[in-house]
N, C-alpha and C. Protein backbone atom coordinates (compact mmCIF):
# COMPACT_ATOMS: atom_id res chain seq x y z
N MET A 1 22.88 1.83 13.15
CA MET A 1 22.33 2.18 11.85
C MET A 1 21.97 0.89 11.11
N PRO A 2 20.78 0.83 10.53
CA PRO A 2 20.38 -0.40 9.83
C PRO A 2 21.23 -0.64 8.58
N THR A 3 21.44 -1.89 8.27
CA THR A 3 22.18 -2.25 7.07
C THR A 3 21.28 -2.10 5.86
N GLN A 4 21.88 -2.05 4.67
CA GLN A 4 21.10 -1.94 3.43
C GLN A 4 20.18 -3.15 3.28
N GLU A 5 20.67 -4.31 3.64
CA GLU A 5 19.84 -5.53 3.55
C GLU A 5 18.61 -5.41 4.44
N LYS A 6 18.81 -4.90 5.65
CA LYS A 6 17.68 -4.73 6.57
C LYS A 6 16.68 -3.71 6.01
N LEU A 7 17.20 -2.61 5.46
CA LEU A 7 16.33 -1.60 4.86
C LEU A 7 15.55 -2.17 3.67
N ASN A 8 16.21 -2.99 2.85
CA ASN A 8 15.53 -3.62 1.73
C ASN A 8 14.42 -4.55 2.21
N THR A 9 14.71 -5.31 3.25
CA THR A 9 13.70 -6.22 3.82
C THR A 9 12.53 -5.43 4.37
N GLN A 10 12.82 -4.36 5.09
CA GLN A 10 11.75 -3.51 5.63
C GLN A 10 10.91 -2.93 4.50
N GLY A 11 11.56 -2.52 3.42
CA GLY A 11 10.84 -1.97 2.28
C GLY A 11 9.91 -2.99 1.65
N ARG A 12 10.41 -4.21 1.44
CA ARG A 12 9.58 -5.27 0.85
C ARG A 12 8.40 -5.62 1.76
N GLU A 13 8.66 -5.69 3.07
CA GLU A 13 7.59 -6.00 4.02
C GLU A 13 6.54 -4.90 4.06
N TYR A 14 6.99 -3.65 3.99
CA TYR A 14 6.07 -2.52 3.97
C TYR A 14 5.17 -2.58 2.73
N ILE A 15 5.78 -2.82 1.58
CA ILE A 15 5.02 -2.93 0.33
C ILE A 15 4.01 -4.05 0.43
N GLU A 16 4.38 -5.18 0.99
CA GLU A 16 3.44 -6.31 1.12
C GLU A 16 2.28 -5.95 2.04
N ARG A 17 2.54 -5.24 3.14
CA ARG A 17 1.46 -4.82 4.03
C ARG A 17 0.48 -3.89 3.33
N VAL A 18 1.02 -2.94 2.58
CA VAL A 18 0.15 -2.01 1.85
C VAL A 18 -0.62 -2.76 0.76
N ALA A 19 0.04 -3.69 0.08
CA ALA A 19 -0.63 -4.48 -0.96
C ALA A 19 -1.77 -5.31 -0.35
N ASN A 20 -1.56 -5.85 0.83
CA ASN A 20 -2.63 -6.59 1.51
C ASN A 20 -3.81 -5.68 1.82
N THR A 21 -3.52 -4.47 2.23
CA THR A 21 -4.58 -3.49 2.51
C THR A 21 -5.34 -3.16 1.23
N VAL A 22 -4.62 -2.97 0.13
CA VAL A 22 -5.26 -2.69 -1.16
C VAL A 22 -6.18 -3.84 -1.56
N ARG A 23 -5.72 -5.07 -1.41
CA ARG A 23 -6.54 -6.23 -1.77
C ARG A 23 -7.81 -6.29 -0.92
N LEU A 24 -7.67 -6.04 0.37
CA LEU A 24 -8.83 -6.05 1.26
C LEU A 24 -9.83 -4.96 0.86
N LEU A 25 -9.34 -3.76 0.63
CA LEU A 25 -10.22 -2.66 0.26
C LEU A 25 -10.87 -2.88 -1.10
N TRP A 26 -10.15 -3.49 -2.03
CA TRP A 26 -10.73 -3.85 -3.34
C TRP A 26 -11.92 -4.76 -3.13
N ARG A 27 -11.71 -5.79 -2.34
CA ARG A 27 -12.79 -6.76 -2.09
C ARG A 27 -13.99 -6.07 -1.43
N ARG A 28 -13.72 -5.26 -0.42
CA ARG A 28 -14.81 -4.57 0.29
C ARG A 28 -15.54 -3.59 -0.63
N ALA A 29 -14.79 -2.84 -1.43
CA ALA A 29 -15.41 -1.87 -2.34
C ALA A 29 -16.25 -2.58 -3.40
N CYS A 30 -15.76 -3.70 -3.91
CA CYS A 30 -16.53 -4.48 -4.89
C CYS A 30 -17.81 -5.01 -4.26
N GLU A 31 -17.68 -5.58 -3.09
CA GLU A 31 -18.85 -6.13 -2.41
C GLU A 31 -19.88 -5.05 -2.09
N ALA A 32 -19.42 -3.85 -1.75
CA ALA A 32 -20.32 -2.76 -1.39
C ALA A 32 -21.21 -2.34 -2.56
N GLN A 33 -20.72 -2.55 -3.79
CA GLN A 33 -21.55 -2.17 -4.93
C GLN A 33 -22.00 -3.37 -5.75
N GLY A 34 -21.85 -4.56 -5.19
CA GLY A 34 -22.37 -5.77 -5.84
C GLY A 34 -21.58 -6.20 -7.06
N THR A 35 -20.29 -5.88 -7.09
CA THR A 35 -19.42 -6.26 -8.20
C THR A 35 -18.58 -7.46 -7.79
N ASP A 36 -18.34 -8.34 -8.72
CA ASP A 36 -17.49 -9.51 -8.47
C ASP A 36 -16.07 -9.05 -8.17
N PRO A 37 -15.52 -9.37 -6.99
CA PRO A 37 -14.14 -8.97 -6.67
C PRO A 37 -13.10 -9.58 -7.61
N GLY A 38 -13.48 -10.61 -8.35
CA GLY A 38 -12.56 -11.21 -9.31
C GLY A 38 -12.48 -10.46 -10.63
N ALA A 39 -13.28 -9.42 -10.77
CA ALA A 39 -13.27 -8.62 -12.00
C ALA A 39 -11.90 -7.96 -12.18
N LYS A 40 -11.46 -7.83 -13.41
CA LYS A 40 -10.16 -7.23 -13.70
C LYS A 40 -10.20 -5.72 -13.73
N PHE A 41 -11.36 -5.15 -14.02
CA PHE A 41 -11.48 -3.70 -14.12
C PHE A 41 -12.81 -3.28 -13.52
N VAL A 42 -12.76 -2.33 -12.61
CA VAL A 42 -13.96 -1.85 -11.93
C VAL A 42 -13.86 -0.33 -11.77
N ILE A 43 -14.95 0.35 -11.99
CA ILE A 43 -15.03 1.77 -11.65
C ILE A 43 -15.94 1.86 -10.44
N PHE A 44 -15.36 2.30 -9.33
CA PHE A 44 -16.14 2.40 -8.11
C PHE A 44 -17.01 3.65 -8.14
N ALA A 45 -18.25 3.50 -7.70
CA ALA A 45 -19.18 4.62 -7.63
C ALA A 45 -18.66 5.65 -6.62
N ASP A 46 -18.96 6.91 -6.88
CA ASP A 46 -18.51 7.97 -5.98
C ASP A 46 -19.08 7.82 -4.57
N ASP A 47 -20.24 7.18 -4.45
CA ASP A 47 -20.85 7.02 -3.13
C ASP A 47 -20.43 5.72 -2.43
N ASN A 48 -19.49 4.98 -3.03
CA ASN A 48 -18.96 3.76 -2.42
C ASN A 48 -18.07 4.18 -1.24
N LYS A 49 -18.47 3.81 -0.03
CA LYS A 49 -17.75 4.28 1.16
C LYS A 49 -16.30 3.79 1.23
N PHE A 50 -15.95 2.76 0.47
CA PHE A 50 -14.58 2.25 0.48
C PHE A 50 -13.69 2.90 -0.58
N LYS A 51 -14.29 3.59 -1.54
CA LYS A 51 -13.54 4.19 -2.64
C LYS A 51 -12.42 5.12 -2.18
N PRO A 52 -12.67 6.09 -1.30
CA PRO A 52 -11.55 6.98 -0.92
C PRO A 52 -10.42 6.24 -0.21
N PHE A 53 -10.76 5.22 0.56
CA PHE A 53 -9.73 4.44 1.26
C PHE A 53 -8.92 3.60 0.27
N TYR A 54 -9.63 3.00 -0.70
CA TYR A 54 -8.96 2.21 -1.74
C TYR A 54 -8.02 3.12 -2.55
N ASP A 55 -8.54 4.28 -2.97
CA ASP A 55 -7.73 5.20 -3.77
C ASP A 55 -6.47 5.63 -3.02
N LYS A 56 -6.61 5.94 -1.74
CA LYS A 56 -5.45 6.38 -0.94
C LYS A 56 -4.44 5.24 -0.78
N ALA A 57 -4.93 4.04 -0.49
CA ALA A 57 -4.03 2.89 -0.31
C ALA A 57 -3.31 2.55 -1.62
N MET A 58 -4.03 2.63 -2.74
CA MET A 58 -3.42 2.33 -4.03
C MET A 58 -2.36 3.37 -4.38
N THR A 59 -2.64 4.63 -4.09
CA THR A 59 -1.65 5.69 -4.32
C THR A 59 -0.40 5.43 -3.48
N GLU A 60 -0.60 5.04 -2.23
CA GLU A 60 0.53 4.75 -1.35
C GLU A 60 1.33 3.55 -1.85
N LEU A 61 0.63 2.52 -2.34
CA LEU A 61 1.31 1.33 -2.86
C LEU A 61 2.16 1.67 -4.08
N LEU A 62 1.59 2.41 -5.01
CA LEU A 62 2.34 2.76 -6.22
C LEU A 62 3.56 3.62 -5.89
N ALA A 63 3.40 4.56 -4.95
CA ALA A 63 4.53 5.39 -4.54
C ALA A 63 5.62 4.55 -3.87
N ALA A 64 5.21 3.63 -3.01
CA ALA A 64 6.19 2.77 -2.33
C ALA A 64 6.95 1.90 -3.32
N LYS A 65 6.25 1.38 -4.31
CA LYS A 65 6.93 0.56 -5.33
C LYS A 65 7.92 1.38 -6.14
N ARG A 66 7.53 2.61 -6.49
CA ARG A 66 8.46 3.49 -7.22
C ARG A 66 9.69 3.81 -6.37
N GLU A 67 9.47 4.13 -5.10
CA GLU A 67 10.58 4.46 -4.21
C GLU A 67 11.51 3.26 -4.03
N TYR A 68 10.92 2.08 -3.88
CA TYR A 68 11.73 0.88 -3.69
C TYR A 68 12.57 0.59 -4.94
N ALA A 69 11.94 0.71 -6.11
CA ALA A 69 12.66 0.45 -7.36
C ALA A 69 13.79 1.45 -7.57
N ALA A 70 13.62 2.66 -7.04
CA ALA A 70 14.64 3.69 -7.19
C ALA A 70 15.69 3.64 -6.08
N GLY A 71 15.56 2.65 -5.19
CA GLY A 71 16.54 2.52 -4.12
C GLY A 71 16.23 3.36 -2.90
N GLY A 72 14.99 3.85 -2.84
CA GLY A 72 14.58 4.68 -1.71
C GLY A 72 14.33 3.86 -0.46
N TYR A 73 14.20 4.54 0.64
CA TYR A 73 13.97 3.89 1.92
C TYR A 73 12.47 3.82 2.18
N VAL A 74 11.85 2.82 1.64
CA VAL A 74 10.41 2.63 1.71
C VAL A 74 10.00 2.19 3.11
N GLY A 75 9.02 2.87 3.68
CA GLY A 75 8.49 2.48 4.97
C GLY A 75 9.42 2.75 6.13
N LEU A 76 10.47 3.50 5.90
CA LEU A 76 11.44 3.80 6.95
C LEU A 76 10.82 4.75 7.97
N GLN A 77 11.00 4.42 9.22
CA GLN A 77 10.50 5.27 10.30
C GLN A 77 11.70 5.77 11.09
N ILE A 78 11.64 7.02 11.45
CA ILE A 78 12.70 7.62 12.26
C ILE A 78 12.20 7.66 13.70
N GLY A 79 12.96 7.03 14.59
CA GLY A 79 12.57 6.95 15.99
C GLY A 79 13.20 8.07 16.81
N ALA A 80 13.08 7.92 18.09
CA ALA A 80 13.65 8.89 19.04
C ALA A 80 15.15 9.01 18.80
N GLY A 81 15.64 10.19 18.87
CA GLY A 81 17.08 10.39 18.69
C GLY A 81 17.50 10.38 17.24
N GLY A 82 16.54 10.36 16.31
CA GLY A 82 16.85 10.39 14.88
C GLY A 82 17.38 9.10 14.31
N LYS A 83 17.16 7.99 15.00
CA LYS A 83 17.66 6.70 14.53
C LYS A 83 16.61 6.00 13.67
N ALA A 84 17.05 5.43 12.57
CA ALA A 84 16.14 4.65 11.71
C ALA A 84 15.81 3.34 12.37
N ARG A 85 14.57 2.92 12.20
CA ARG A 85 14.17 1.62 12.74
C ARG A 85 13.30 0.90 11.75
């Protein structure tokens, strides 16, 4: 069984991976509509092909951060035999 420290590390690493995905999708979505990726606020056009992916990744990131702050097991995967990994 993983220790709490290991679970915390896995949670932080999971959040960082999702955050990296969000940053990449932000950049791609901005570029797709000719917006400066350095802008602080952007409304993506409905026909921006990256918008649904960005929205989903951002929703996942916010949920993971809430779960982590609440002591949840963020990014935990259950393997064969019901063991956490």
